[in-house]
Amino acid sequence: MTETTQTQTMPPRGGGRPSSSPEFRVAMDAWHRLRQDLFHDAFAYRSLPPMKMDGLFTSRISGRPREYVRWTPHAMVVAAGLLSLTISTSASQGGGEVAIILSALLALCPVLLTLIRPVGAFWVSMAATAVTGAFSDSWSDWPWVAGSFACHLVVLTVVALRTRPRTAAWMWALTAAYGLLLESTIGGGHYSSNTGPFLIISAMALLAASVVNIRRSAQREVTAQQTVTEHERSRRTLLEERTTIARELHDVVAHHMSVVAIQAEAAPYRVENPPPELEQAFATIRENAVAALTELRRVLGVVRAEDYEAPDAPQPTLADLDGLLANVREAGLTVDKAVTGAVRELPQGVELSAYRIVQEALSNTLRHAPGASARVEIGYVLGGLGLRVVNGPSPEVTLVKSTHGTGHGLTGMRERVTMLNGEMTTGETEDGGYEVTVFLPVAGASEADA
C-alpha cells in the first residue's frame, strides 16, 4: 500500500512541468499545426495544375482554344505579378535606379513563386517586404510600401486558394504580428502606419479565397461520394440480376434433375426380368440425381428472397414470344417479328435467356422511346441463335415516358449473354433509333439442325 502511494505521488519526468494541463496541450497542438502548415516542407515543389475543363462553359470549348484556356490560372497569376511590379515601379520613381529595380523584382518574384512553391512564396514575400521597406525613403505608407502592399496581398490570396483555410489563418496572423511588431518597435508613433488597412483588406481577400477553397473541396467530396454511390448501385444491380438468373436456372435444372430421377426409378420396370447389375445401375443413377437435386436446392436456396414464390407455370421459351409481343402491343408499341432459319428446339437455358433478352429490350423501348416502332428478328443459324431487337426514333409528339424499371436493363442482358459465352453489341442506328444484337452459341448444333 505504501509503494502504491509513493508511486502515485512521484513528480512527472522533466522537472515536474505540468505538461498535461489543457493550456499546454492547446499550445503544443497549435505549434504542431503551425509547423505542419508553414514550416514543414515550406519550399516543396507544388506546381499549379492546369484548370479542369469540366465546367458549365469550359466544357463547351474545343480545339486549340481549349489548350489555351487550361492555363488561365497561370496567366492570371502572372498578370497579378506584373501589376504589382507596375505599382512598385510607379511608387519608386523618386528613388535611385537600383532601388527601382530592386523594388520591382521583390514585387514580382514572390507572386511568380506561388506557381511552384506557394508556402515558400509567403516567406519570400515577408522577407521582401522588410527589404523593400528598409530601402524605401517614403514613410507615408510604412511598413507596407505600395509594391509590397500589392505583392503580399496577391501572395496571400493565391496561397489561400492553393492551401487549406487553416493555412490562410496562420498567414494572416503572422502578417498581423509582423506589421504590429514593426509599428511598435521601429515606428515609435512617428510614422503613419498602414498595417490596419492592410489587415482589413487582406482579411476580406483571405475570407473570400477560403470560401472558394471550402466550396471546391466540398464539390470534390460530393463528386467522390457520388462516384462511390454509383459504383455501389451498379454492383448491387449486377448482383440482383445474377440472383434473378440463378433463381430461373435453378427452376430449369431442378426440373431436369427431377425427370432424371423419375426415369431412372421407372426404367427397371420397363424391362422384363432385368439383370441385377442393371437394377443397381438405375438405382445409383436415381440416388445421385436425388442427391444432386437436394444439394442444388440447398445451395441455390440462399438466393431466394423471403417473399419469393416458385412460379406455377414453366419458365418461358421462345414459343411464348407471341404472347409477349401481344402484351407489348397492348401497351402501345408497334412491333413486328421475323424468324429466319429452321425453327428447332434449343436448350431450355438458351430459350429462357433469349426470351428474357427480347423482353428487356422491348421494355427499354417502351421506357426510353415511347411511340416508336420496334422489330424483333430471330435467326436459327449454324452453331447457335441470333437475336436482333431494333427500334426507330421516338416521334415528335407529346408522350409521357414510363418511369418504371431500374434503368439497368442492359446489365441483365449482358449477364445472360456472358453466362452462355455469347456476344452482344448495342448502339444507336443511323436513323436515331437503337438496336441490340445478340448471338447465343448452342453446343452440339449442326448444319443438319439448321
Protein backbone atom coordinates (compact mmCIF):
# COMPACT_ATOMS: atom_id res chain seq x y z
CA MET A 1 0.00 0.00 0.00
CA THR A 2 2.89 2.32 0.83
CA GLU A 3 4.63 1.62 -2.51
CA THR A 4 1.45 2.39 -4.42
CA THR A 5 1.01 5.73 -2.66
CA GLN A 6 4.61 6.69 -3.31
CA THR A 7 4.33 5.80 -6.98
CA GLN A 8 1.22 7.92 -7.45
CA THR A 9 2.75 10.98 -5.74
CA MET A 10 6.01 10.91 -7.69
CA PRO A 11 6.52 14.07 -9.80
CA PRO A 12 6.46 13.66 -13.57
CA ARG A 13 9.67 13.43 -15.54
CA GLY A 14 11.27 16.57 -16.84
CA GLY A 15 11.39 18.57 -13.61
CA GLY A 16 7.69 18.42 -12.77
CA ARG A 17 6.46 20.65 -15.63
CA PRO A 18 2.64 20.46 -15.87
CA SER A 19 2.78 19.07 -19.43
CA SER A 20 -0.70 17.55 -19.10
CA SER A 21 -2.51 20.82 -18.47
CA PRO A 22 -5.17 21.79 -21.06
CA GLU A 23 -3.45 25.10 -21.83
CA PHE A 24 -0.16 23.37 -22.54
CA ARG A 25 -1.83 20.80 -24.81
CA VAL A 26 -3.65 23.53 -26.75
CA ALA A 27 -0.42 25.50 -27.18
CA MET A 28 1.53 22.45 -28.33
CA ASP A 29 -1.24 21.45 -30.71
CA ALA A 30 -1.26 24.94 -32.23
CA TRP A 31 2.52 24.87 -32.54
CA HIS A 32 2.49 21.48 -34.29
CA ARG A 33 -0.17 22.68 -36.73
CA LEU A 34 1.79 25.85 -37.45
CA ARG A 35 4.92 23.82 -38.15
CA GLN A 36 2.96 21.44 -40.37
CA ASP A 37 1.30 24.21 -42.40
CA LEU A 38 4.04 26.82 -42.78
CA PHE A 39 7.39 25.29 -41.82
CA HIS A 40 7.36 21.62 -42.82
CA ASP A 41 8.39 21.35 -46.50
CA ALA A 42 7.68 25.04 -46.92
CA PHE A 43 9.70 25.20 -50.14
CA ALA A 44 8.49 21.88 -51.54
CA TYR A 45 7.71 21.84 -55.26
CA ARG A 46 3.94 22.05 -55.76
CA SER A 47 3.19 23.27 -59.26
CA LEU A 48 -0.16 24.86 -60.00
CA PRO A 49 -2.14 22.34 -62.11
CA PRO A 50 -3.98 23.44 -65.26
CA MET A 51 -7.64 24.33 -64.92
CA LYS A 52 -10.14 21.49 -65.27
CA MET A 53 -12.32 21.81 -68.35
CA ASP A 54 -15.47 20.28 -66.90
CA GLY A 55 -17.32 23.48 -66.02
CA LEU A 56 -20.56 24.78 -67.47
CA PHE A 57 -18.83 26.97 -70.06
CA THR A 58 -15.31 25.49 -70.28
CA SER A 59 -16.66 22.06 -71.25
CA ARG A 60 -18.09 23.60 -74.44
CA ILE A 61 -14.69 24.85 -75.63
CA SER A 62 -12.95 22.58 -78.09
CA GLY A 63 -9.94 22.59 -80.35
CA ARG A 64 -6.87 24.74 -79.89
CA PRO A 65 -8.58 27.39 -77.70
CA ARG A 66 -9.24 24.66 -75.16
CA GLU A 67 -5.50 24.18 -74.68
CA TYR A 68 -5.04 27.89 -74.01
CA VAL A 69 -7.96 28.19 -71.62
CA ARG A 70 -6.50 25.43 -69.44
CA TRP A 71 -3.66 27.79 -68.46
CA THR A 72 -5.93 30.65 -67.39
CA PRO A 73 -4.95 30.42 -63.65
CA HIS A 74 -1.27 30.72 -64.54
CA ALA A 75 -1.95 33.71 -66.78
CA MET A 76 -3.92 35.43 -64.01
CA VAL A 77 -1.08 34.95 -61.51
CA VAL A 78 1.45 36.33 -64.00
CA ALA A 79 -0.83 39.31 -64.69
CA ALA A 80 -1.15 39.97 -60.94
CA GLY A 81 2.65 39.85 -60.64
CA LEU A 82 3.07 42.33 -63.47
CA LEU A 83 0.50 44.60 -61.81
CA SER A 84 2.49 44.51 -58.55
CA LEU A 85 5.65 45.29 -60.50
CA THR A 86 3.96 48.27 -62.17
CA ILE A 87 2.69 49.62 -58.85
CA SER A 88 6.11 49.23 -57.28
CA THR A 89 7.84 50.95 -60.19
CA SER A 90 5.40 53.85 -60.17
CA ALA A 91 5.78 54.35 -56.40
CA SER A 92 9.61 54.26 -56.55
CA GLN A 93 10.12 56.93 -59.21
CA GLY A 94 11.66 59.27 -56.67
CA GLY A 95 14.39 56.80 -55.68
CA GLY A 96 17.52 55.69 -57.43
CA GLU A 97 17.70 53.27 -60.33
CA VAL A 98 18.94 50.43 -58.13
CA ALA A 99 16.09 50.96 -55.67
CA ILE A 100 13.53 50.92 -58.51
CA ILE A 101 14.88 47.68 -59.99
CA LEU A 102 15.16 46.03 -56.57
CA SER A 103 11.63 47.03 -55.57
CA ALA A 104 10.24 45.80 -58.91
CA LEU A 105 11.92 42.42 -58.61
CA LEU A 106 10.86 41.99 -54.99
CA ALA A 107 7.27 42.76 -56.00
CA LEU A 108 7.26 40.32 -58.94
CA CYS A 109 9.26 37.28 -57.79
CA PRO A 110 7.13 36.25 -54.76
CA VAL A 111 3.98 36.33 -56.89
CA LEU A 112 5.54 34.14 -59.59
CA LEU A 113 6.88 31.79 -56.92
CA THR A 114 3.32 30.94 -55.90
CA LEU A 115 3.04 28.93 -59.13
CA ILE A 116 5.52 26.30 -57.92
CA ARG A 117 6.19 26.81 -54.18
CA PRO A 118 3.15 28.50 -52.60
CA VAL A 119 4.12 28.35 -48.90
CA GLY A 120 7.69 29.35 -49.68
CA ALA A 121 6.34 32.32 -51.64
CA PHE A 122 4.70 33.59 -48.44
CA TRP A 123 8.00 33.62 -46.56
CA VAL A 124 9.80 35.24 -49.50
CA SER A 125 7.11 37.92 -49.65
CA MET A 126 7.51 38.62 -45.92
CA ALA A 127 11.27 38.98 -46.33
CA ALA A 128 10.83 41.08 -49.49
CA THR A 129 8.52 43.43 -47.57
CA ALA A 130 11.19 44.06 -44.94
CA VAL A 131 13.91 44.64 -47.55
CA THR A 132 11.72 46.95 -49.62
CA GLY A 133 10.73 48.92 -46.52
CA ALA A 134 14.37 49.30 -45.47
CA PHE A 135 15.41 50.73 -48.84
CA SER A 136 12.34 52.91 -49.25
CA ASP A 137 12.52 56.63 -48.43
CA SER A 138 8.75 57.03 -48.29
CA TRP A 139 7.30 56.63 -44.81
CA SER A 140 3.80 57.78 -45.62
CA ASP A 141 2.75 54.19 -46.38
CA TRP A 142 5.09 52.43 -43.96
CA PRO A 143 5.72 49.49 -43.36
CA TRP A 144 3.78 48.27 -46.44
CA VAL A 145 5.05 50.35 -49.31
CA ALA A 146 2.95 50.31 -52.47
CA GLY A 147 4.74 47.45 -54.21
CA SER A 148 4.92 45.30 -51.07
CA PHE A 149 1.28 46.04 -50.30
CA ALA A 150 0.13 44.70 -53.69
CA CYS A 151 2.64 41.84 -53.78
CA HIS A 152 1.87 40.46 -50.32
CA LEU A 153 -1.88 40.80 -50.84
CA VAL A 154 -1.67 38.79 -54.07
CA VAL A 155 0.58 36.18 -52.46
CA LEU A 156 -1.78 35.72 -49.51
CA THR A 157 -4.77 35.30 -51.84
CA VAL A 158 -3.11 32.82 -54.21
CA VAL A 159 -1.63 30.73 -51.38
CA ALA A 160 -5.01 30.68 -49.62
CA LEU A 161 -6.62 29.36 -52.82
CA ARG A 162 -3.99 26.63 -53.11
CA THR A 163 -3.91 25.52 -49.45
CA ARG A 164 -6.34 24.84 -46.65
CA PRO A 165 -8.22 27.60 -44.78
CA ARG A 166 -6.16 26.92 -41.66
CA THR A 167 -3.02 27.92 -43.53
CA ALA A 168 -4.69 31.17 -44.58
CA ALA A 169 -5.45 31.92 -40.92
CA TRP A 170 -1.83 31.28 -39.94
CA MET A 171 -0.53 33.56 -42.71
CA TRP A 172 -2.84 36.37 -41.70
CA ALA A 173 -1.87 36.02 -38.03
CA LEU A 174 1.86 36.10 -38.84
CA THR A 175 1.35 39.07 -41.16
CA ALA A 176 -0.50 40.91 -38.40
CA ALA A 177 2.21 40.09 -35.87
CA TYR A 178 4.89 41.28 -38.31
CA GLY A 179 3.13 44.58 -39.03
CA LEU A 180 2.31 45.30 -35.39
CA LEU A 181 5.85 44.44 -34.34
CA LEU A 182 7.37 46.90 -36.79
CA GLU A 183 4.82 49.53 -35.89
CA SER A 184 5.51 49.23 -32.14
CA THR A 185 9.32 48.95 -32.31
CA ILE A 186 10.65 50.88 -35.29
CA GLY A 187 7.73 53.22 -35.92
CA GLY A 188 7.51 54.55 -32.41
CA GLY A 189 4.46 56.60 -33.33
CA HIS A 190 6.46 58.93 -35.64
CA TYR A 191 5.25 57.45 -38.90
CA SER A 192 1.86 56.96 -40.49
CA SER A 193 1.34 53.17 -40.42
CA ASN A 194 -0.88 51.34 -42.93
CA THR A 195 -0.91 48.00 -41.09
CA GLY A 196 -4.54 48.38 -40.08
CA PRO A 197 -5.91 48.96 -43.61
CA PHE A 198 -3.73 46.16 -44.96
CA LEU A 199 -5.01 43.69 -42.37
CA ILE A 200 -8.63 44.60 -43.13
CA ILE A 201 -8.22 44.26 -46.90
CA SER A 202 -6.18 41.05 -46.60
CA ALA A 203 -8.72 39.56 -44.19
CA MET A 204 -11.50 40.16 -46.72
CA ALA A 205 -9.41 38.67 -49.52
CA LEU A 206 -8.47 35.60 -47.44
CA LEU A 207 -12.07 35.10 -46.38
CA ALA A 208 -13.24 35.09 -49.99
CA ALA A 209 -10.40 32.74 -51.00
CA SER A 210 -11.20 30.39 -48.11
CA VAL A 211 -14.88 30.29 -49.07
CA VAL A 212 -13.93 29.38 -52.63
CA ASN A 213 -11.50 26.76 -51.37
CA ILE A 214 -14.04 25.22 -49.00
CA ARG A 215 -16.68 25.13 -51.74
CA ARG A 216 -14.22 23.49 -54.11
CA SER A 217 -13.29 20.87 -51.52
CA ALA A 218 -16.96 20.18 -50.83
CA GLN A 219 -17.60 19.67 -54.54
CA ARG A 220 -14.73 17.20 -54.74
CA GLU A 221 -16.08 15.27 -51.78
CA VAL A 222 -19.58 15.21 -53.26
CA THR A 223 -18.21 14.02 -56.61
CA ALA A 224 -16.19 11.30 -54.91
CA GLN A 225 -19.22 10.22 -52.89
CA GLN A 226 -21.39 10.16 -55.99
CA THR A 227 -18.81 8.01 -57.74
CA VAL A 228 -18.76 5.55 -54.84
CA THR A 229 -22.56 5.55 -54.68
CA GLU A 230 -22.87 4.91 -58.42
CA HIS A 231 -20.33 2.09 -58.16
CA GLU A 232 -22.22 0.52 -55.28
CA ARG A 233 -25.53 0.93 -57.14
CA SER A 234 -24.08 -0.75 -60.24
CA ARG A 235 -22.64 -3.53 -58.13
CA ARG A 236 -25.96 -4.06 -56.35
CA THR A 237 -27.83 -4.10 -59.65
CA LEU A 238 -25.38 -6.63 -61.03
CA LEU A 239 -25.85 -8.89 -58.02
CA GLU A 240 -29.64 -8.59 -58.30
CA GLU A 241 -29.51 -9.57 -61.97
CA ARG A 242 -27.30 -12.55 -61.20
CA THR A 243 -29.64 -13.56 -58.40
CA THR A 244 -32.60 -13.44 -60.77
CA ILE A 245 -30.75 -15.55 -63.32
CA ALA A 246 -29.76 -18.04 -60.63
CA ARG A 247 -33.38 -18.40 -59.50
CA GLU A 248 -34.61 -19.04 -63.01
CA LEU A 249 -31.85 -21.52 -63.82
CA HIS A 250 -32.49 -23.26 -60.52
CA ASP A 251 -36.05 -23.97 -61.61
CA VAL A 252 -34.85 -25.21 -65.01
CA VAL A 253 -32.13 -27.51 -63.64
CA ALA A 254 -34.35 -28.77 -60.82
CA HIS A 255 -36.99 -29.78 -63.38
CA HIS A 256 -34.47 -31.75 -65.45
CA MET A 257 -32.95 -33.45 -62.39
CA SER A 258 -36.41 -34.47 -61.22
CA VAL A 259 -37.12 -36.00 -64.63
CA VAL A 260 -33.84 -37.93 -64.50
CA ALA A 261 -34.66 -39.30 -61.05
CA ILE A 262 -38.19 -40.38 -62.09
CA GLN A 263 -36.99 -42.01 -65.32
CA ALA A 264 -34.19 -43.83 -63.50
CA GLU A 265 -36.69 -45.19 -60.98
CA ALA A 266 -39.16 -46.33 -63.66
CA ALA A 267 -36.61 -47.74 -66.13
CA PRO A 268 -36.18 -51.21 -64.49
CA TYR A 269 -39.92 -51.82 -64.71
CA ARG A 270 -39.85 -51.35 -68.47
CA VAL A 271 -37.56 -54.37 -68.91
CA GLU A 272 -38.76 -57.92 -68.28
CA ASN A 273 -36.55 -59.71 -65.78
CA PRO A 274 -33.81 -57.05 -65.69
CA PRO A 275 -30.41 -58.26 -64.52
CA PRO A 276 -29.35 -57.17 -61.01
CA GLU A 277 -26.50 -55.10 -62.45
CA LEU A 278 -28.98 -53.03 -64.47
CA GLU A 279 -31.25 -52.50 -61.47
CA GLN A 280 -28.27 -51.45 -59.38
CA ALA A 281 -27.10 -49.03 -62.08
CA PHE A 282 -30.50 -47.35 -62.33
CA ALA A 283 -30.75 -47.21 -58.53
CA THR A 284 -27.35 -45.50 -58.40
CA ILE A 285 -28.44 -43.02 -61.09
CA ARG A 286 -31.59 -42.21 -59.14
CA GLU A 287 -29.70 -41.77 -55.86
CA ASN A 288 -27.18 -39.45 -57.50
CA ALA A 289 -29.94 -37.44 -59.17
CA VAL A 290 -31.84 -37.05 -55.90
CA ALA A 291 -28.65 -36.13 -54.04
CA ALA A 292 -27.73 -33.58 -56.70
CA LEU A 293 -31.24 -32.13 -56.64
CA THR A 294 -31.17 -31.83 -52.85
CA GLU A 295 -27.75 -30.15 -52.89
CA LEU A 296 -28.84 -27.80 -55.67
CA ARG A 297 -31.91 -26.73 -53.72
CA ARG A 298 -29.85 -26.24 -50.58
CA VAL A 299 -27.12 -24.15 -52.21
CA LEU A 300 -29.25 -22.06 -54.54
CA GLY A 301 -31.98 -21.65 -51.94
CA VAL A 302 -29.94 -18.86 -50.34
CA VAL A 303 -30.55 -16.61 -53.34
CA ARG A 304 -34.31 -16.74 -52.94
CA ALA A 305 -35.90 -13.79 -51.22
CA GLU A 306 -38.17 -14.45 -48.26
CA ASP A 307 -41.21 -13.46 -50.28
CA TYR A 308 -40.13 -15.38 -53.38
CA GLU A 309 -42.53 -18.00 -54.65
CA ALA A 310 -41.64 -20.52 -57.29
CA PRO A 311 -43.63 -19.98 -60.49
CA ASP A 312 -46.56 -22.29 -61.06
CA ALA A 313 -46.03 -22.35 -64.83
CA PRO A 314 -42.82 -23.49 -66.57
CA GLN A 315 -40.22 -20.87 -67.41
CA PRO A 316 -41.00 -19.10 -70.71
CA THR A 317 -39.33 -20.02 -74.00
CA LEU A 318 -39.26 -18.58 -77.50
CA ALA A 319 -42.53 -20.44 -78.18
CA ASP A 320 -44.18 -17.98 -75.76
CA LEU A 321 -42.81 -14.94 -77.58
CA ASP A 322 -46.08 -14.24 -79.41
CA GLY A 323 -47.85 -13.73 -76.08
CA LEU A 324 -45.13 -11.28 -75.02
CA LEU A 325 -45.47 -9.32 -78.27
CA ALA A 326 -49.25 -9.18 -77.82
CA ASN A 327 -48.84 -7.67 -74.35
CA VAL A 328 -46.35 -5.13 -75.68
CA ARG A 329 -48.71 -4.12 -78.47
CA GLU A 330 -51.45 -3.54 -75.89
CA ALA A 331 -49.05 -1.18 -74.12
CA GLY A 332 -48.88 0.95 -77.29
CA LEU A 333 -45.73 -0.34 -79.02
CA THR A 334 -45.92 -1.33 -82.68
CA VAL A 335 -43.69 -4.39 -83.01
CA ASP A 336 -43.08 -6.94 -85.77
CA LYS A 337 -41.40 -10.33 -85.62
CA ALA A 338 -39.31 -12.07 -88.24
CA VAL A 339 -37.93 -15.61 -87.96
CA THR A 340 -35.27 -16.99 -90.28
CA GLY A 341 -33.81 -20.47 -90.44
CA ALA A 342 -35.31 -23.78 -89.46
CA VAL A 343 -37.03 -23.47 -86.09
CA ARG A 344 -35.74 -26.12 -83.71
CA GLU A 345 -35.82 -26.84 -80.01
CA LEU A 346 -32.89 -25.33 -78.12
CA PRO A 347 -31.63 -26.00 -74.61
CA GLN A 348 -34.05 -24.57 -72.09
CA GLY A 349 -31.43 -22.20 -70.63
CA VAL A 350 -30.85 -20.68 -74.08
CA GLU A 351 -34.60 -20.43 -74.73
CA LEU A 352 -35.18 -18.72 -71.39
CA SER A 353 -32.30 -16.27 -71.82
CA ALA A 354 -33.38 -15.39 -75.36
CA TYR A 355 -36.93 -14.73 -74.15
CA ARG A 356 -35.72 -12.50 -71.29
CA ILE A 357 -33.37 -10.55 -73.58
CA VAL A 358 -36.18 -9.78 -76.03
CA GLN A 359 -38.46 -8.90 -73.11
CA GLU A 360 -35.97 -6.44 -71.60
CA ALA A 361 -35.11 -4.89 -74.97
CA LEU A 362 -38.79 -4.19 -75.68
CA SER A 363 -39.24 -2.82 -72.15
CA ASN A 364 -36.37 -0.41 -72.78
CA THR A 365 -38.06 0.70 -76.00
CA LEU A 366 -41.27 1.44 -74.12
CA ARG A 367 -39.36 3.27 -71.42
CA HIS A 368 -36.92 5.34 -73.46
CA ALA A 369 -38.55 5.67 -76.91
CA PRO A 370 -42.31 5.88 -76.36
CA GLY A 371 -44.32 5.84 -79.56
CA ALA A 372 -41.52 4.30 -81.62
CA SER A 373 -41.92 1.11 -83.63
CA ALA A 374 -39.80 -1.99 -82.99
CA ARG A 375 -38.80 -5.14 -84.81
CA VAL A 376 -37.69 -8.48 -83.38
CA GLU A 377 -35.55 -10.72 -85.58
CA ILE A 378 -34.77 -14.31 -84.60
CA GLY A 379 -32.30 -16.32 -86.64
CA TYR A 380 -31.72 -20.05 -86.18
CA VAL A 381 -28.23 -20.27 -87.62
CA LEU A 382 -25.46 -22.80 -87.66
CA GLY A 383 -23.96 -23.07 -84.20
CA GLY A 384 -26.47 -21.06 -82.25
CA LEU A 385 -29.22 -18.47 -82.13
CA GLY A 386 -29.14 -14.89 -83.35
CA LEU A 387 -31.33 -12.11 -81.93
CA ARG A 388 -31.80 -8.54 -83.07
CA VAL A 389 -34.19 -6.07 -81.49
CA VAL A 390 -34.24 -2.65 -83.13
CA ASN A 391 -36.50 0.34 -82.59
CA GLY A 392 -36.90 3.55 -84.52
CA PRO A 393 -36.61 7.08 -83.13
CA SER A 394 -39.28 8.41 -80.84
CA PRO A 395 -41.74 10.57 -82.82
CA GLU A 396 -42.00 14.28 -82.15
CA VAL A 397 -45.20 14.09 -80.12
CA THR A 398 -46.02 14.80 -76.51
CA LEU A 399 -45.87 11.49 -74.70
CA VAL A 400 -45.33 10.59 -71.09
CA LYS A 401 -42.34 8.33 -70.70
CA SER A 402 -42.54 5.36 -68.42
CA THR A 403 -40.73 5.75 -65.12
CA HIS A 404 -40.80 2.09 -64.18
CA GLY A 405 -37.66 -0.01 -64.08
CA THR A 406 -34.18 0.47 -62.73
CA GLY A 407 -32.59 1.70 -65.93
CA HIS A 408 -30.05 -1.15 -65.83
CA GLY A 409 -31.70 -3.48 -68.35
CA LEU A 410 -28.52 -3.79 -70.41
CA THR A 411 -26.74 -5.15 -67.35
CA GLY A 412 -29.14 -8.07 -67.10
CA MET A 413 -28.89 -8.79 -70.81
CA ARG A 414 -25.10 -8.77 -70.74
CA GLU A 415 -25.07 -11.09 -67.73
CA ARG A 416 -27.24 -13.64 -69.55
CA VAL A 417 -25.15 -13.42 -72.71
CA THR A 418 -21.90 -13.76 -70.74
CA MET A 419 -23.27 -16.77 -68.86
CA LEU A 420 -23.87 -18.56 -72.20
CA ASN A 421 -20.50 -17.44 -73.68
CA GLY A 422 -22.33 -15.37 -76.26
CA GLU A 423 -21.74 -12.00 -77.89
CA MET A 424 -23.75 -8.80 -77.57
CA THR A 425 -23.50 -5.40 -79.22
CA THR A 426 -25.64 -2.32 -78.65
CA GLY A 427 -25.74 1.13 -80.17
CA GLU A 428 -27.68 3.78 -81.99
CA THR A 429 -28.85 3.31 -85.55
CA GLU A 430 -28.36 5.76 -88.39
CA ASP A 431 -31.96 6.99 -88.18
CA GLY A 432 -31.68 7.81 -84.47
CA GLY A 433 -33.07 4.55 -83.11
CA TYR A 434 -31.40 1.85 -81.05
CA GLU A 435 -30.57 -1.80 -81.62
CA VAL A 436 -29.49 -4.78 -79.56
CA THR A 437 -27.76 -7.65 -81.36
CA VAL A 438 -27.05 -10.94 -79.60
CA PHE A 439 -25.59 -14.29 -80.62
CA LEU A 440 -26.03 -17.25 -78.28
CA PRO A 441 -23.94 -20.32 -79.15
CA VAL A 442 -25.56 -23.73 -78.84
CA ALA A 443 -23.30 -26.69 -78.20
CA GLY A 444 -23.95 -29.62 -80.50
CA ALA A 445 -25.78 -27.62 -83.16
CA SER A 446 -25.04 -28.99 -86.58
CA GLU A 447 -25.77 -27.97 -90.09
CA ALA A 448 -28.49 -30.58 -90.33
CA ASP A 449 -30.27 -28.95 -87.42
CA ALA A 450 -30.13 -25.63 -89.15
